[in-house]
């Protein structure tokens, strides 16, 4: 299902991704359409599920020193869906990607201490359908463009100001 009726919808969604707090007046000026039209389009995009919410992106607290590991999993293909569903229940798993090659899944996991990370890796390995794991402990984060890009594009609030 294509949620966007036209290029204006796509441009509106892009502007909201860059700054979810932009006022409808500001969005209308940038798009060259009426403020009421922007408001109606946002409401329709929310109603149809194209926009599923607005998020507050919290800055990483520099005093939080979680241990992090990168984990590659080989998974029994018949149990792949069940494995992913089980992995989704672990809040310590921050990222799960399906990948090509020797392994099937790539995970980024975090825990407060190395001991917690070790226990988490054991739990992941015991999930039915996980055939093999390979892990690397992260020694240092040199930079993380995703975090800075997310903050830059997220704006500072919950959503567009309908009165703006």
Protein backbone atom coordinates (compact mmCIF):
# COMPACT_ATOMS: atom_id res chain seq x y z
CA UNK A 1 0.00 0.00 0.00
CA UNK A 2 1.38 3.39 -0.98
CA UNK A 3 0.61 5.77 1.85
CA UNK A 4 1.60 8.83 -0.13
CA UNK A 5 -0.84 10.24 -2.64
CA UNK A 6 1.68 12.49 -4.35
CA UNK A 7 5.03 14.23 -4.16
CA UNK A 8 3.63 16.78 -1.68
CA UNK A 9 2.89 13.97 0.79
CA UNK A 10 6.44 12.66 0.37
CA UNK A 11 7.93 16.14 0.85
CA UNK A 12 5.73 16.70 3.92
CA UNK A 13 6.87 13.39 5.43
CA UNK A 14 10.49 14.31 4.74
CA UNK A 15 10.08 17.71 6.41
CA UNK A 16 8.48 16.08 9.46
CA UNK A 17 11.33 13.58 9.67
CA UNK A 18 13.79 16.45 9.67
CA UNK A 19 11.83 18.38 12.32
CA UNK A 20 8.72 16.82 13.83
CA UNK A 21 8.03 20.02 15.79
CA UNK A 22 7.78 22.25 12.73
CA UNK A 23 4.60 24.29 12.82
CA UNK A 24 1.94 23.69 10.22
CA UNK A 25 2.42 27.32 9.11
CA UNK A 26 6.13 26.70 8.53
CA UNK A 27 5.43 23.44 6.69
CA UNK A 28 2.78 25.19 4.56
CA UNK A 29 5.28 27.91 3.57
CA UNK A 30 7.93 25.34 2.64
CA UNK A 31 5.45 23.30 0.60
CA UNK A 32 3.63 26.24 -0.94
CA UNK A 33 0.19 25.05 0.22
CA UNK A 34 -2.41 26.24 2.75
CA UNK A 35 -1.91 25.59 6.46
CA UNK A 36 -5.29 23.82 6.62
CA UNK A 37 -4.15 21.53 3.78
CA UNK A 38 -0.99 20.63 5.73
CA UNK A 39 -3.09 19.87 8.81
CA UNK A 40 -5.47 17.66 6.77
CA UNK A 41 -2.59 15.82 5.08
CA UNK A 42 -0.85 15.13 8.40
CA UNK A 43 -4.12 13.82 9.86
CA UNK A 44 -4.62 11.54 6.82
CA UNK A 45 -1.00 10.28 6.94
CA UNK A 46 -1.47 9.46 10.63
CA UNK A 47 -4.85 7.80 9.98
CA UNK A 48 -3.48 5.62 7.15
CA UNK A 49 -0.43 4.57 9.15
CA UNK A 50 2.18 6.38 7.08
CA UNK A 51 3.05 8.35 10.22
CA UNK A 52 2.92 6.04 13.21
CA UNK A 53 4.13 8.46 15.86
CA UNK A 54 6.60 11.07 16.95
CA UNK A 55 9.54 10.37 19.19
CA UNK A 56 11.67 12.16 21.72
CA UNK A 57 15.25 11.09 21.05
CA UNK A 58 17.25 11.21 24.25
CA UNK A 59 20.92 12.07 24.19
CA UNK A 60 23.16 9.27 25.35
CA UNK A 61 24.23 9.93 28.91
CA UNK A 62 28.04 10.00 28.90
CA UNK A 63 28.06 8.55 32.43
CA UNK A 64 26.30 5.42 31.16
CA UNK A 65 29.10 3.01 30.43
CA UNK A 66 27.28 -0.04 29.13
CA UNK A 67 29.27 -2.96 27.84
CA UNK A 68 28.51 -3.61 24.18
CA UNK A 69 28.95 -6.62 21.95
CA UNK A 70 28.42 -7.30 18.27
CA UNK A 71 26.98 -10.74 17.68
CA UNK A 72 26.58 -12.81 14.53
CA UNK A 73 24.01 -15.61 14.59
CA UNK A 74 23.49 -18.60 12.33
CA UNK A 75 19.87 -19.65 12.51
CA UNK A 76 17.89 -22.69 11.43
CA UNK A 77 15.87 -21.25 8.53
CA UNK A 78 12.67 -23.08 9.55
CA UNK A 79 12.84 -21.38 12.97
CA UNK A 80 14.00 -17.96 11.79
CA UNK A 81 10.73 -16.15 12.59
CA UNK A 82 10.56 -17.69 16.09
CA UNK A 83 14.19 -16.75 16.78
CA UNK A 84 13.60 -13.13 15.74
CA UNK A 85 10.44 -12.99 17.88
CA UNK A 86 12.42 -14.26 20.91
CA UNK A 87 15.25 -11.80 20.25
CA UNK A 88 12.74 -8.96 20.11
CA UNK A 89 11.84 -9.65 23.75
CA UNK A 90 15.37 -8.72 24.93
CA UNK A 91 15.60 -4.97 25.62
CA UNK A 92 19.39 -5.30 25.66
CA UNK A 93 19.36 -6.03 21.92
CA UNK A 94 19.53 -2.57 20.39
CA UNK A 95 19.77 -3.59 16.73
CA UNK A 96 18.99 -6.76 14.78
CA UNK A 97 19.76 -7.00 11.08
CA UNK A 98 19.30 -9.84 8.61
CA UNK A 99 22.57 -10.20 6.70
CA UNK A 100 23.96 -12.20 3.82
CA UNK A 101 26.94 -14.48 4.05
CA UNK A 102 28.08 -17.06 6.55
CA UNK A 103 25.70 -15.84 9.30
CA UNK A 104 22.03 -14.89 9.18
CA UNK A 105 21.63 -12.15 11.80
CA UNK A 106 23.76 -9.32 13.15
CA UNK A 107 22.97 -8.00 16.64
CA UNK A 108 24.21 -5.06 18.63
CA UNK A 109 23.67 -5.74 22.33
CA UNK A 110 24.32 -3.70 25.47
CA UNK A 111 24.34 -4.54 29.16
CA UNK A 112 25.53 -2.65 32.25
CA UNK A 113 28.45 -4.96 33.07
CA UNK A 114 30.54 -7.56 31.28
CA UNK A 115 29.04 -10.24 33.51
CA UNK A 116 25.54 -9.22 32.38
CA UNK A 117 26.69 -9.25 28.77
CA UNK A 118 28.12 -12.75 29.22
CA UNK A 119 24.82 -14.01 30.68
CA UNK A 120 22.87 -12.36 27.84
CA UNK A 121 25.08 -13.99 25.19
CA UNK A 122 24.49 -17.37 26.87
CA UNK A 123 20.71 -16.79 26.79
CA UNK A 124 20.81 -15.86 23.10
CA UNK A 125 22.83 -18.99 22.27
CA UNK A 126 20.23 -21.17 24.03
CA UNK A 127 17.29 -19.94 21.95
CA UNK A 128 15.85 -22.89 19.98
CA UNK A 129 16.85 -22.44 16.35
CA UNK A 130 20.12 -20.59 17.04
CA UNK A 131 22.78 -22.87 15.60
CA UNK A 132 25.96 -20.84 16.10
CA UNK A 133 27.02 -17.48 17.55
CA UNK A 134 30.13 -15.38 17.14
CA UNK A 135 30.67 -12.36 19.38
CA UNK A 136 32.98 -9.37 19.62
CA UNK A 137 33.19 -7.11 22.67
CA UNK A 138 33.30 -3.42 21.71
CA UNK A 139 36.35 -1.76 23.26
CA UNK A 140 35.54 1.85 22.32
CA UNK A 141 33.07 3.84 20.24
CA UNK A 142 35.11 6.12 18.00
CA UNK A 143 32.05 7.81 16.51
CA UNK A 144 28.40 7.02 15.85
CA UNK A 145 26.89 8.94 12.96
CA UNK A 146 23.49 7.33 13.46
CA UNK A 147 23.07 8.92 16.88
CA UNK A 148 24.09 12.40 15.73
CA UNK A 149 22.01 12.18 12.53
CA UNK A 150 18.96 11.03 14.49
CA UNK A 151 19.31 13.93 16.91
CA UNK A 152 19.87 16.42 14.09
CA UNK A 153 16.83 15.22 12.13
CA UNK A 154 14.53 14.60 15.08
CA UNK A 155 14.01 18.18 16.15
CA UNK A 156 13.16 18.72 19.76
CA UNK A 157 9.59 17.62 20.34
CA UNK A 158 6.58 15.43 19.97
CA UNK A 159 5.05 16.59 16.74
CA UNK A 160 4.01 19.45 14.51
CA UNK A 161 2.44 22.45 16.20
CA UNK A 162 -1.03 22.74 14.66
CA UNK A 163 -1.33 26.36 15.82
CA UNK A 164 2.00 27.53 14.40
